[in-house]
Amino acid sequence: MQTLEQARVFLGMMLTGALLGAVYDTLMLLRRGLNAGRMLTGALDLLFGAMCAAGICLSALIMRTEAFRWYVFAGVLGGMGLYFASAGALVRWLCQKGWAWRRKKAKNRGEDGK
């Protein structure tokens, strides 16, 4: 595999990592919205792990990469890191503000706010 091909696979895996970061944030919202206990949280974590494996394999098939080399996993980790540092940080901040607003509104109505 030529260097240019490796760079293409690395960037594709970064995109996959960013998408997986968005999936993680979506599952986080689901856990908070459902007030998930230990069992549901564990099940959602297993689901996320399966989605990561499937996403990486599907991306590798689409890009027709022949082997999982270090740059494949580095690309996924880099993409997730960039997502969490940029758009993910904004999503989490907005969610925290939304949950605080929801609790405040519920408290004003006399509910427990959880």
PDB file of N, CA and C in Angstrom:
ATOM      1  N   MET A   1       0.850  -1.173   0.000  1.00  0.00           N
ATOM      2  CA  MET A   1       0.000   0.000   0.000  1.00  0.00           C
ATOM      3  C   MET A   1       0.898   1.240   0.000  1.00  0.00           C
ATOM      4  N   GLN A   2       0.635   2.131  -0.928  1.00  0.00           N
ATOM      5  CA  GLN A   2       1.428   3.340  -1.073  1.00  0.00           C
ATOM      6  C   GLN A   2       1.086   4.359   0.019  1.00  0.00           C
ATOM      7  N   THR A   3       1.961   5.305   0.218  1.00  0.00           N
ATOM      8  CA  THR A   3       1.781   6.320   1.259  1.00  0.00           C
ATOM      9  C   THR A   3       0.519   7.135   1.033  1.00  0.00           C
ATOM     10  N   LEU A   4       0.218   7.477  -0.193  1.00  0.00           N
ATOM     11  CA  LEU A   4      -0.983   8.245  -0.494  1.00  0.00           C
ATOM     12  C   LEU A   4      -2.239   7.448  -0.150  1.00  0.00           C
ATOM     13  N   GLU A   5      -2.208   6.161  -0.410  1.00  0.00           N
ATOM     14  CA  GLU A   5      -3.338   5.289  -0.065  1.00  0.00           C
ATOM     15  C   GLU A   5      -3.496   5.185   1.454  1.00  0.00           C
ATOM     16  N   GLN A   6      -2.378   5.108   2.160  1.00  0.00           N
ATOM     17  CA  GLN A   6      -2.431   5.064   3.617  1.00  0.00           C
ATOM     18  C   GLN A   6      -3.024   6.354   4.190  1.00  0.00           C
ATOM     19  N   ALA A   7      -2.684   7.479   3.609  1.00  0.00           N
ATOM     20  CA  ALA A   7      -3.230   8.767   4.055  1.00  0.00           C
ATOM     21  C   ALA A   7      -4.740   8.815   3.813  1.00  0.00           C
ATOM     22  N   ARG A   8      -5.192   8.284   2.682  1.00  0.00           N
ATOM     23  CA  ARG A   8      -6.623   8.248   2.387  1.00  0.00           C
ATOM     24  C   ARG A   8      -7.369   7.390   3.410  1.00  0.00           C
ATOM     25  N   VAL A   9      -6.808   6.244   3.741  1.00  0.00           N
ATOM     26  CA  VAL A   9      -7.427   5.362   4.732  1.00  0.00           C
ATOM     27  C   VAL A   9      -7.422   6.032   6.099  1.00  0.00           C
ATOM     28  N   PHE A  10      -6.321   6.686   6.464  1.00  0.00           N
ATOM     29  CA  PHE A  10      -6.227   7.377   7.751  1.00  0.00           C
ATOM     30  C   PHE A  10      -7.308   8.449   7.868  1.00  0.00           C
ATOM     31  N   LEU A  11      -7.481   9.263   6.835  1.00  0.00           N
ATOM     32  CA  LEU A  11      -8.504  10.311   6.869  1.00  0.00           C
ATOM     33  C   LEU A  11      -9.915   9.724   6.888  1.00  0.00           C
ATOM     34  N   GLY A  12     -10.120   8.646   6.161  1.00  0.00           N
ATOM     35  CA  GLY A  12     -11.423   7.982   6.205  1.00  0.00           C
ATOM     36  C   GLY A  12     -11.732   7.433   7.585  1.00  0.00           C
ATOM     37  N   MET A  13     -10.728   6.892   8.242  1.00  0.00           N
ATOM     38  CA  MET A  13     -10.921   6.381   9.597  1.00  0.00           C
ATOM     39  C   MET A  13     -11.111   7.516  10.601  1.00  0.00           C
ATOM     40  N   MET A  14     -10.525   8.675  10.335  1.00  0.00           N
ATOM     41  CA  MET A  14     -10.785   9.833  11.198  1.00  0.00           C
ATOM     42  C   MET A  14     -12.255  10.236  11.104  1.00  0.00           C
ATOM     43  N   LEU A  15     -12.803  10.194   9.902  1.00  0.00           N
ATOM     44  CA  LEU A  15     -14.223  10.478   9.728  1.00  0.00           C
ATOM     45  C   LEU A  15     -15.068   9.438  10.465  1.00  0.00           C
ATOM     46  N   THR A  16     -14.675   8.177  10.363  1.00  0.00           N
ATOM     47  CA  THR A  16     -15.377   7.123  11.095  1.00  0.00           C
ATOM     48  C   THR A  16     -15.323   7.381  12.594  1.00  0.00           C
ATOM     49  N   GLY A  17     -14.164   7.776  13.103  1.00  0.00           N
ATOM     50  CA  GLY A  17     -14.023   8.079  14.526  1.00  0.00           C
ATOM     51  C   GLY A  17     -14.892   9.246  14.959  1.00  0.00           C
ATOM     52  N   ALA A  18     -14.989  10.275  14.119  1.00  0.00           N
ATOM     53  CA  ALA A  18     -15.848  11.415  14.451  1.00  0.00           C
ATOM     54  C   ALA A  18     -17.317  10.997  14.493  1.00  0.00           C
ATOM     55  N   LEU A  19     -17.723  10.160  13.556  1.00  0.00           N
ATOM     56  CA  LEU A  19     -19.101   9.664  13.557  1.00  0.00           C
ATOM     57  C   LEU A  19     -19.378   8.798  14.780  1.00  0.00           C
ATOM     58  N   LEU A  20     -18.403   7.988  15.175  1.00  0.00           N
ATOM     59  CA  LEU A  20     -18.572   7.170  16.376  1.00  0.00           C
ATOM     60  C   LEU A  20     -18.637   8.043  17.633  1.00  0.00           C
ATOM     61  N   GLY A  21     -17.924   9.150  17.627  1.00  0.00           N
ATOM     62  CA  GLY A  21     -18.032  10.094  18.739  1.00  0.00           C
ATOM     63  C   GLY A  21     -19.432  10.676  18.840  1.00  0.00           C
ATOM     64  N   ALA A  22     -20.027  10.972  17.700  1.00  0.00           N
ATOM     65  CA  ALA A  22     -21.406  11.477  17.693  1.00  0.00           C
ATOM     66  C   ALA A  22     -22.378  10.408  18.192  1.00  0.00           C
ATOM     67  N   VAL A  23     -22.129   9.151  17.832  1.00  0.00           N
ATOM     68  CA  VAL A  23     -22.965   8.052  18.327  1.00  0.00           C
ATOM     69  C   VAL A  23     -22.840   7.955  19.847  1.00  0.00           C
ATOM     70  N   TYR A  24     -21.625   8.104  20.361  1.00  0.00           N
ATOM     71  CA  TYR A  24     -21.407   8.046  21.805  1.00  0.00           C
ATOM     72  C   TYR A  24     -22.194   9.146  22.515  1.00  0.00           C
ATOM     73  N   ASP A  25     -22.151  10.356  21.968  1.00  0.00           N
ATOM     74  CA  ASP A  25     -22.915  11.460  22.575  1.00  0.00           C
ATOM     75  C   ASP A  25     -24.413  11.193  22.512  1.00  0.00           C
ATOM     76  N   THR A  26     -24.877  10.592  21.429  1.00  0.00           N
ATOM     77  CA  THR A  26     -26.298  10.244  21.314  1.00  0.00           C
ATOM     78  C   THR A  26     -26.694   9.226  22.381  1.00  0.00           C
ATOM     79  N   LEU A  27     -25.851   8.233  22.595  1.00  0.00           N
ATOM     80  CA  LEU A  27     -26.137   7.249  23.635  1.00  0.00           C
ATOM     81  C   LEU A  27     -26.081   7.877  25.027  1.00  0.00           C
ATOM     82  N   MET A  28     -25.203   8.874  25.200  1.00  0.00           N
ATOM     83  CA  MET A  28     -25.137   9.589  26.466  1.00  0.00           C
ATOM     84  C   MET A  28     -26.449  10.320  26.732  1.00  0.00           C
ATOM     85  N   LEU A  29     -26.993  10.947  25.710  1.00  0.00           N
ATOM     86  CA  LEU A  29     -28.283  11.624  25.856  1.00  0.00           C
ATOM     87  C   LEU A  29     -29.386  10.630  26.187  1.00  0.00           C
ATOM     88  N   LEU A  30     -29.345   9.478  25.560  1.00  0.00           N
ATOM     89  CA  LEU A  30     -30.337   8.438  25.830  1.00  0.00           C
ATOM     90  C   LEU A  30     -30.235   7.951  27.277  1.00  0.00           C
ATOM     91  N   ARG A  31     -28.995   7.741  27.750  1.00  0.00           N
ATOM     92  CA  ARG A  31     -28.807   7.310  29.141  1.00  0.00           C
ATOM     93  C   ARG A  31     -29.346   8.335  30.120  1.00  0.00           C
ATOM     94  N   ARG A  32     -29.072   9.594  29.869  1.00  0.00           N
ATOM     95  CA  ARG A  32     -29.553  10.641  30.776  1.00  0.00           C
ATOM     96  C   ARG A  32     -31.061  10.804  30.704  1.00  0.00           C
ATOM     97  N   GLY A  33     -31.599  10.712  29.507  1.00  0.00           N
ATOM     98  CA  GLY A  33     -33.040  10.877  29.342  1.00  0.00           C
ATOM     99  C   GLY A  33     -33.834   9.764  29.992  1.00  0.00           C
ATOM    100  N   LEU A  34     -33.257   8.571  30.016  1.00  0.00           N
ATOM    101  CA  LEU A  34     -33.946   7.416  30.593  1.00  0.00           C
ATOM    102  C   LEU A  34     -33.569   7.175  32.054  1.00  0.00           C
ATOM    103  N   ASN A  35     -32.694   8.032  32.612  1.00  0.00           N
ATOM    104  CA  ASN A  35     -32.163   7.812  33.963  1.00  0.00           C
ATOM    105  C   ASN A  35     -31.663   6.377  34.093  1.00  0.00           C
ATOM    106  N   ALA A  36     -30.778   6.012  33.198  1.00  0.00           N
ATOM    107  CA  ALA A  36     -30.313   4.631  33.073  1.00  0.00           C
ATOM    108  C   ALA A  36     -29.588   4.171  34.330  1.00  0.00           C
ATOM    109  N   GLY A  37     -29.891   2.973  34.729  1.00  0.00           N
ATOM    110  CA  GLY A  37     -29.190   2.333  35.834  1.00  0.00           C
ATOM    111  C   GLY A  37     -27.964   1.604  35.322  1.00  0.00           C
ATOM    112  N   ARG A  38     -27.400   0.783  36.158  1.00  0.00           N
ATOM    113  CA  ARG A  38     -26.173   0.068  35.804  1.00  0.00           C
ATOM    114  C   ARG A  38     -26.387  -0.913  34.662  1.00  0.00           C
ATOM    115  N   MET A  39     -27.514  -1.598  34.665  1.00  0.00           N
ATOM    116  CA  MET A  39     -27.759  -2.615  33.635  1.00  0.00           C
ATOM    117  C   MET A  39     -27.934  -1.973  32.257  1.00  0.00           C
ATOM    118  N   LEU A  40     -28.751  -0.940  32.182  1.00  0.00           N
ATOM    119  CA  LEU A  40     -28.971  -0.277  30.894  1.00  0.00           C
ATOM    120  C   LEU A  40     -27.699   0.414  30.408  1.00  0.00           C
ATOM    121  N   THR A  41     -26.954   1.009  31.327  1.00  0.00           N
ATOM    122  CA  THR A  41     -25.695   1.640  30.945  1.00  0.00           C
ATOM    123  C   THR A  41     -24.724   0.607  30.389  1.00  0.00           C
ATOM    124  N   GLY A  42     -24.633  -0.543  31.041  1.00  0.00           N
ATOM    125  CA  GLY A  42     -23.772  -1.615  30.539  1.00  0.00           C
ATOM    126  C   GLY A  42     -24.213  -2.121  29.180  1.00  0.00           C
ATOM    127  N   ALA A  43     -25.515  -2.252  28.996  1.00  0.00           N
ATOM    128  CA  ALA A  43     -26.036  -2.705  27.701  1.00  0.00           C
ATOM    129  C   ALA A  43     -25.733  -1.686  26.609  1.00  0.00           C
ATOM    130  N   LEU A  44     -25.882  -0.401  26.920  1.00  0.00           N
ATOM    131  CA  LEU A  44     -25.582   0.637  25.926  1.00  0.00           C
ATOM    132  C   LEU A  44     -24.090   0.704  25.625  1.00  0.00           C
ATOM    133  N   ASP A  45     -23.248   0.446  26.627  1.00  0.00           N
ATOM    134  CA  ASP A  45     -21.803   0.401  26.387  1.00  0.00           C
ATOM    135  C   ASP A  45     -21.428  -0.776  25.484  1.00  0.00           C
ATOM    136  N   LEU A  46     -22.070  -1.916  25.708  1.00  0.00           N
ATOM    137  CA  LEU A  46     -21.831  -3.067  24.819  1.00  0.00           C
ATOM    138  C   LEU A  46     -22.307  -2.765  23.400  1.00  0.00           C
ATOM    139  N   LEU A  47     -23.450  -2.113  23.287  1.00  0.00           N
ATOM    140  CA  LEU A  47     -23.960  -1.715  21.977  1.00  0.00           C
ATOM    141  C   LEU A  47     -22.973  -0.779  21.285  1.00  0.00           C
ATOM    142  N   PHE A  48     -22.420   0.170  22.036  1.00  0.00           N
ATOM    143  CA  PHE A  48     -21.448   1.101  21.452  1.00  0.00           C
ATOM    144  C   PHE A  48     -20.204   0.354  20.981  1.00  0.00           C
ATOM    145  N   GLY A  49     -19.732  -0.593  21.768  1.00  0.00           N
ATOM    146  CA  GLY A  49     -18.568  -1.380  21.357  1.00  0.00           C
ATOM    147  C   GLY A  49     -18.828  -2.150  20.070  1.00  0.00           C
ATOM    148  N   ALA A  50     -20.014  -2.747  19.976  1.00  0.00           N
ATOM    149  CA  ALA A  50     -20.377  -3.473  18.756  1.00  0.00           C
ATOM    150  C   ALA A  50     -20.480  -2.520  17.569  1.00  0.00           C
ATOM    151  N   MET A  51     -21.021  -1.324  17.814  1.00  0.00           N
ATOM    152  CA  MET A  51     -21.135  -0.341  16.732  1.00  0.00           C
ATOM    153  C   MET A  51     -19.755   0.145  16.286  1.00  0.00           C
ATOM    154  N   CYS A  52     -18.819   0.262  17.224  1.00  0.00           N
ATOM    155  CA  CYS A  52     -17.447   0.637  16.858  1.00  0.00           C
ATOM    156  C   CYS A  52     -16.817  -0.423  15.972  1.00  0.00           C
ATOM    157  N   ALA A  53     -16.939  -1.675  16.380  1.00  0.00           N
ATOM    158  CA  ALA A  53     -16.362  -2.764  15.588  1.00  0.00           C
ATOM    159  C   ALA A  53     -16.988  -2.809  14.194  1.00  0.00           C
ATOM    160  N   ALA A  54     -18.307  -2.689  14.145  1.00  0.00           N
ATOM    161  CA  ALA A  54     -18.996  -2.730  12.847  1.00  0.00           C
ATOM    162  C   ALA A  54     -18.623  -1.523  11.992  1.00  0.00           C
ATOM    163  N   GLY A  55     -18.535  -0.354  12.605  1.00  0.00           N
ATOM    164  CA  GLY A  55     -18.188   0.856  11.856  1.00  0.00           C
ATOM    165  C   GLY A  55     -16.790   0.797  11.272  1.00  0.00           C
ATOM    166  N   ILE A  56     -15.845   0.301  12.056  1.00  0.00           N
ATOM    167  CA  ILE A  56     -14.471   0.197  11.567  1.00  0.00           C
ATOM    168  C   ILE A  56     -14.385  -0.833  10.443  1.00  0.00           C
ATOM    169  N   CYS A  57     -15.031  -1.966  10.622  1.00  0.00           N
ATOM    170  CA  CYS A  57     -15.009  -2.996   9.569  1.00  0.00           C
ATOM    171  C   CYS A  57     -15.696  -2.518   8.301  1.00  0.00           C
ATOM    172  N   LEU A  58     -16.843  -1.853   8.447  1.00  0.00           N
ATOM    173  CA  LEU A  58     -17.556  -1.343   7.277  1.00  0.00           C
ATOM    174  C   LEU A  58     -16.723  -0.286   6.549  1.00  0.00           C
ATOM    175  N   SER A  59     -16.103   0.604   7.302  1.00  0.00           N
ATOM    176  CA  SER A  59     -15.246   1.619   6.678  1.00  0.00           C
ATOM    177  C   SER A  59     -14.079   0.976   5.953  1.00  0.00           C
ATOM    178  N   ALA A  60     -13.493  -0.047   6.557  1.00  0.00           N
ATOM    179  CA  ALA A  60     -12.374  -0.738   5.913  1.00  0.00           C
ATOM    180  C   ALA A  60     -12.826  -1.427   4.628  1.00  0.00           C
ATOM    181  N   LEU A  61     -14.037  -1.999   4.643  1.00  0.00           N
ATOM    182  CA  LEU A  61     -14.553  -2.628   3.421  1.00  0.00           C
ATOM    183  C   LEU A  61     -14.827  -1.601   2.333  1.00  0.00           C
ATOM    184  N   ILE A  62     -15.412  -0.472   2.721  1.00  0.00           N
ATOM    185  CA  ILE A  62     -15.723   0.564   1.733  1.00  0.00           C
ATOM    186  C   ILE A  62     -14.446   1.124   1.113  1.00  0.00           C
ATOM    187  N   MET A  63     -13.414   1.326   1.951  1.00  0.00           N
ATOM    188  CA  MET A  63     -12.152   1.885   1.444  1.00  0.00           C
ATOM    189  C   MET A  63     -11.233   0.817   0.873  1.00  0.00           C
ATOM    190  N   ARG A  64     -11.652  -0.456   0.973  1.00  0.00           N
ATOM    191  CA  ARG A  64     -10.902  -1.592   0.441  1.00  0.00           C
ATOM    192  C   ARG A  64      -9.468  -1.645   0.973  1.00  0.00           C
ATOM    193  N   THR A  65      -9.369  -1.455   2.278  1.00  0.00           N
ATOM    194  CA  THR A  65      -8.061  -1.591   2.905  1.00  0.00           C
ATOM    195  C   THR A  65      -7.794  -3.067   3.169  1.00  0.00           C
ATOM    196  N   GLU A  66      -6.579  -3.484   2.990  1.00  0.00           N
ATOM    197  CA  GLU A  66      -6.283  -4.913   3.048  1.00  0.00           C
ATOM    198  C   GLU A  66      -5.981  -5.425   4.447  1.00  0.00           C
ATOM    199  N   ALA A  67      -5.563  -4.560   5.340  1.00  0.00           N
ATOM    200  CA  ALA A  67      -5.224  -5.024   6.696  1.00  0.00           C
ATOM    201  C   ALA A  67      -5.450  -3.879   7.677  1.00  0.00           C
ATOM    202  N   PHE A  68      -5.701  -4.265   8.915  1.00  0.00           N
ATOM    203  CA  PHE A  68      -5.820  -3.250   9.957  1.00  0.00           C
ATOM    204  C   PHE A  68      -4.428  -2.939  10.482  1.00  0.00           C
ATOM    205  N   ARG A  69      -3.902  -1.843  10.033  1.00  0.00           N
ATOM    206  CA  ARG A  69      -2.584  -1.394  10.464  1.00  0.00           C
ATOM    207  C   ARG A  69      -2.751  -0.356  11.566  1.00  0.00           C
ATOM    208  N   TRP A  70      -1.646   0.087  12.137  1.00  0.00           N
ATOM    209  CA  TRP A  70      -1.703   1.025  13.261  1.00  0.00           C
ATOM    210  C   TRP A  70      -2.387   2.324  12.882  1.00  0.00           C
ATOM    211  N   TYR A  71      -2.213   2.788  11.635  1.00  0.00           N
ATOM    212  CA  TYR A  71      -2.797   4.069  11.245  1.00  0.00           C
ATOM    213  C   TYR A  71      -4.320   4.002  11.142  1.00  0.00           C
ATOM    214  N   VAL A  72      -4.883   2.805  10.982  1.00  0.00           N
ATOM    215  CA  VAL A  72      -6.343   2.660  10.981  1.00  0.00           C
ATOM    216  C   VAL A  72      -6.888   3.009  12.366  1.00  0.00           C
ATOM    217  N   PHE A  73      -6.303   2.406  13.403  1.00  0.00           N
ATOM    218  CA  PHE A  73      -6.764   2.665  14.766  1.00  0.00           C
ATOM    219  C   PHE A  73      -6.388   4.068  15.228  1.00  0.00           C
ATOM    220  N   ALA A  74      -5.226   4.551  14.797  1.00  0.00           N
ATOM    221  CA  ALA A  74      -4.832   5.922  15.127  1.00  0.00           C
ATOM    222  C   ALA A  74      -5.800   6.918  14.493  1.00  0.00           C
ATOM    223  N   GLY A  75      -6.262   6.625  13.290  1.00  0.00           N
ATOM    224  CA  GLY A  75      -7.230   7.504  12.636  1.00  0.00           C
ATOM    225  C   GLY A  75      -8.559   7.547  13.374  1.00  0.00           C
ATOM    226  N   VAL A  76      -9.035   6.393  13.827  1.00  0.00           N
ATOM    227  CA  VAL A  76     -10.299   6.348  14.577  1.00  0.00           C
ATOM    228  C   VAL A  76     -10.154   7.119  15.883  1.00  0.00           C
ATOM    229  N   LEU A  77      -9.072   6.873  16.609  1.00  0.00           N
ATOM    230  CA  LEU A  77      -8.853   7.592  17.870  1.00  0.00           C
ATOM    231  C   LEU A  77      -8.689   9.095  17.636  1.00  0.00           C
ATOM    232  N   GLY A  78      -7.981   9.450  16.583  1.00  0.00           N
ATOM    233  CA  GLY A  78      -7.813  10.868  16.262  1.00  0.00           C
ATOM    234  C   GLY A  78      -9.129  11.537  15.905  1.00  0.00           C
ATOM    235  N   GLY A  79      -9.951  10.838  15.144  1.00  0.00           N
ATOM    236  CA  GLY A  79     -11.255  11.387  14.774  1.00  0.00           C
ATOM    237  C   GLY A  79     -12.164  11.567  15.972  1.00  0.00           C
ATOM    238  N   MET A  80     -12.160  10.571  16.869  1.00  0.00           N
ATOM    239  CA  MET A  80     -12.971  10.688  18.083  1.00  0.00           C
ATOM    240  C   MET A  80     -12.448  11.837  18.947  1.00  0.00           C
ATOM    241  N   GLY A  81     -11.136  11.938  19.063  1.00  0.00           N
ATOM    242  CA  GLY A  81     -10.535  13.022  19.848  1.00  0.00           C
ATOM    243  C   GLY A  81     -10.886  14.391  19.295  1.00  0.00           C
ATOM    244  N   LEU A  82     -10.806  14.543  17.977  1.00  0.00           N
ATOM    245  CA  LEU A  82     -11.172  15.827  17.370  1.00  0.00           C
ATOM    246  C   LEU A  82     -12.645  16.141  17.558  1.00  0.00           C
ATOM    247  N   TYR A  83     -13.498  15.122  17.455  1.00  0.00           N
ATOM    248  CA  TYR A  83     -14.921  15.347  17.670  1.00  0.00           C
ATOM    249  C   TYR A  83     -15.180  15.795  19.107  1.00  0.00           C
ATOM    250  N   PHE A  84     -14.591  15.068  20.073  1.00  0.00           N
ATOM    251  CA  PHE A  84     -14.833  15.403  21.479  1.00  0.00           C
ATOM    252  C   PHE A  84     -14.269  16.774  21.843  1.00  0.00           C
ATOM    253  N   ALA A  85     -13.191  17.187  21.182  1.00  0.00           N
ATOM    254  CA  ALA A  85     -12.591  18.494  21.472  1.00  0.00           C
ATOM    255  C   ALA A  85     -13.317  19.642  20.773  1.00  0.00           C
ATOM    256  N   SER A  86     -14.067  19.367  19.736  1.00  0.00           N
ATOM    257  CA  SER A  86     -14.707  20.448  18.981  1.00  0.00           C
ATOM    258  C   SER A  86     -16.224  20.363  19.087  1.00  0.00           C
ATOM    259  N   ALA A  87     -16.857  19.705  18.153  1.00  0.00           N
ATOM    260  CA  ALA A  87     -18.328  19.636  18.124  1.00  0.00           C
ATOM    261  C   ALA A  87     -18.879  18.909  19.339  1.00  0.00           C
ATOM    262  N   GLY A  88     -18.193  17.887  19.808  1.00  0.00           N
ATOM    263  CA  GLY A  88     -18.656  17.148  20.977  1.00  0.00           C
ATOM    264  C   GLY A  88     -18.690  17.999  22.228  1.00  0.00           C
ATOM    265  N   ALA A  89     -17.696  18.874  22.379  1.00  0.00           N
ATOM    266  CA  ALA A  89     -17.682  19.769  23.540  1.00  0.00           C
ATOM    267  C   ALA A  89     -18.894  20.695  23.499  1.00  0.00           C
ATOM    268  N   LEU A  90     -19.227  21.190  22.329  1.00  0.00           N
ATOM    269  CA  LEU A  90     -20.398  22.061  22.186  1.00  0.00           C
ATOM    270  C   LEU A  90     -21.685  21.292  22.477  1.00  0.00           C
ATOM    271  N   VAL A  91     -21.787  20.070  21.978  1.00  0.00           N
ATOM    272  CA  VAL A  91     -22.981  19.250  22.218  1.00  0.00           C
ATOM    273  C   VAL A  91     -23.141  18.985  23.710  1.00  0.00           C
ATOM    274  N   ARG A  92     -22.055  18.594  24.380  1.00  0.00           N
ATOM    275  CA  ARG A  92     -22.139  18.316  25.814  1.00  0.00           C
ATOM    276  C   ARG A  92     -22.487  19.569  26.607  1.00  0.00           C
ATOM    277  N   TRP A  93     -21.938  20.724  26.229  1.00  0.00           N
ATOM    278  CA  TRP A  93     -22.253  21.977  26.918  1.00  0.00           C
ATOM    279  C   TRP A  93     -23.730  22.320  26.759  1.00  0.00           C
ATOM    280  N   LEU A  94     -24.235  22.190  25.531  1.00  0.00           N
ATOM    281  CA  LEU A  94     -25.655  22.458  25.303  1.00  0.00           C
ATOM    282  C   LEU A  94     -26.542  21.490  26.068  1.00  0.00           C
ATOM    283  N   CYS A  95     -26.139  20.245  26.148  1.00  0.00           N
ATOM    284  CA  CYS A  95     -26.918  19.254  26.900  1.00  0.00           C
ATOM    285  C   CYS A  95     -26.935  19.579  28.383  1.00  0.00           C
ATOM    286  N   GLN A  96     -25.796  19.990  28.920  1.00  0.00           N
ATOM    287  CA  GLN A  96     -25.758  20.366  30.336  1.00  0.00           C
ATOM    288  C   GLN A  96     -26.679  21.543  30.603  1.00  0.00           C
ATOM    289  N   LYS A  97     -26.665  22.527  29.725  1.00  0.00           N
ATOM    290  CA  LYS A  97     -27.558  23.679  29.890  1.00  0.00           C
ATOM    291  C   LYS A  97     -29.015  23.244  29.782  1.00  0.00           C
ATOM    292  N   GLY A  98     -29.299  22.341  28.847  1.00  0.00           N
ATOM    293  CA  GLY A  98     -30.664  21.853  28.681  1.00  0.00           C
ATOM    294  C   GLY A  98     -31.148  21.068  29.881  1.00  0.00           C
ATOM    295  N   TRP A  99     -30.277  20.210  30.430  1.00  0.00           N
ATOM    296  CA  TRP A  99     -30.672  19.434  31.609  1.00  0.00           C
ATOM    297  C   TRP A  99     -30.853  20.347  32.811  1.00  0.00           C
ATOM    298  N   ALA A 100     -29.988  21.368  32.957  1.00  0.00           N
ATOM    299  CA  ALA A 100     -30.142  22.311  34.080  1.00  0.00           C
ATOM    300  C   ALA A 100     -31.456  23.078  33.936  1.00  0.00           C
ATOM    301  N   TRP A 101     -31.792  23.486  32.723  1.00  0.00           N
ATOM    302  CA  TRP A 101     -33.045  24.209  32.490  1.00  0.00           C
ATOM    303  C   TRP A 101     -34.236  23.304  32.809  1.00  0.00           C
ATOM    304  N   ARG A 102     -34.132  22.041  32.401  1.00  0.00           N
ATOM    305  CA  ARG A 102     -35.213  21.084  32.658  1.00  0.00           C
ATOM    306  C   ARG A 102     -35.418  20.869  34.161  1.00  0.00           C
ATOM    307  N   ARG A 103     -34.305  20.716  34.899  1.00  0.00           N
ATOM    308  CA  ARG A 103     -34.404  20.534  36.349  1.00  0.00           C
ATOM    309  C   ARG A 103     -34.992  21.772  37.024  1.00  0.00           C
ATOM    310  N   LYS A 104     -34.570  22.942  36.580  1.00  0.00           N
ATOM    311  CA  LYS A 104     -35.070  24.187  37.161  1.00  0.00           C
ATOM    312  C   LYS A 104     -36.569  24.332  36.894  1.00  0.00           C
ATOM    313  N   LYS A 105     -36.985  24.015  35.683  1.00  0.00           N
ATOM    314  CA  LYS A 105     -38.395  24.100  35.328  1.00  0.00           C
ATOM    315  C   LYS A 105     -39.224  23.108  36.147  1.00  0.00           C
ATOM    316  N   ALA A 106     -38.704  21.870  36.316  1.00  0.00           N
ATOM    317  CA  ALA A 106     -39.407  20.866  37.100  1.00  0.00           C
ATOM    318  C   ALA A 106     -39.472  21.277  38.574  1.00  0.00           C
ATOM    319  N   LYS A 107     -38.398  21.881  39.071  1.00  0.00           N
ATOM    320  CA  LYS A 107     -38.377  22.336  40.468  1.00  0.00           C
ATOM    321  C   LYS A 107     -39.407  23.437  40.693  1.00  0.00           C
ATOM    322  N   ASN A 108     -39.529  24.323  39.722  1.00  0.00           N
ATOM    323  CA  ASN A 108     -40.523  25.409  39.833  1.00  0.00           C
ATOM    324  C   ASN A 108     -41.943  24.874  39.824  1.00  0.00           C
ATOM    325  N   ARG A 109     -42.164  23.727  39.166  1.00  0.00           N
ATOM    326  CA  ARG A 109     -43.486  23.110  39.150  1.00  0.00           C
ATOM    327  C   ARG A 109     -43.726  22.254  40.373  1.00  0.00           C
ATOM    328  N   GLY A 110     -42.697  22.024  41.186  1.00  0.00           N
ATOM    329  CA  GLY A 110     -42.845  21.231  42.383  1.00  0.00           C
ATOM    330  C   GLY A 110     -42.505  19.762  42.205  1.00  0.00           C
ATOM    331  N   GLU A 111     -41.944  19.397  41.056  1.00  0.00           N
ATOM    332  CA  GLU A 111     -41.540  18.006  40.837  1.00  0.00           C
ATOM    333  C   GLU A 111     -40.132  17.823  41.384  1.00  0.00           C
ATOM    334  N   ASP A 112     -39.643  16.584  41.372  1.00  0.00           N
ATOM    335  CA  ASP A 112     -38.318  16.334  41.945  1.00  0.00           C
ATOM    336  C   ASP A 112     -37.186  16.722  40.991  1.00  0.00           C
ATOM    337  N   GLY A 113     -37.444  16.883  39.702  1.00  0.00           N
ATOM    338  CA  GLY A 113     -36.463  17.391  38.756  1.00  0.00           C
ATOM    339  C   GLY A 113     -35.441  16.393  38.262  1.00  0.00           C
ATOM    340  N   LYS A 114     -35.644  15.134  38.495  1.00  0.00           N
ATOM    341  CA  LYS A 114     -34.652  14.150  38.025  1.00  0.00           C
ATOM    342  C   LYS A 114     -35.024  13.573  36.715  1.00  0.00           C
TER     343      LYS A 114
END
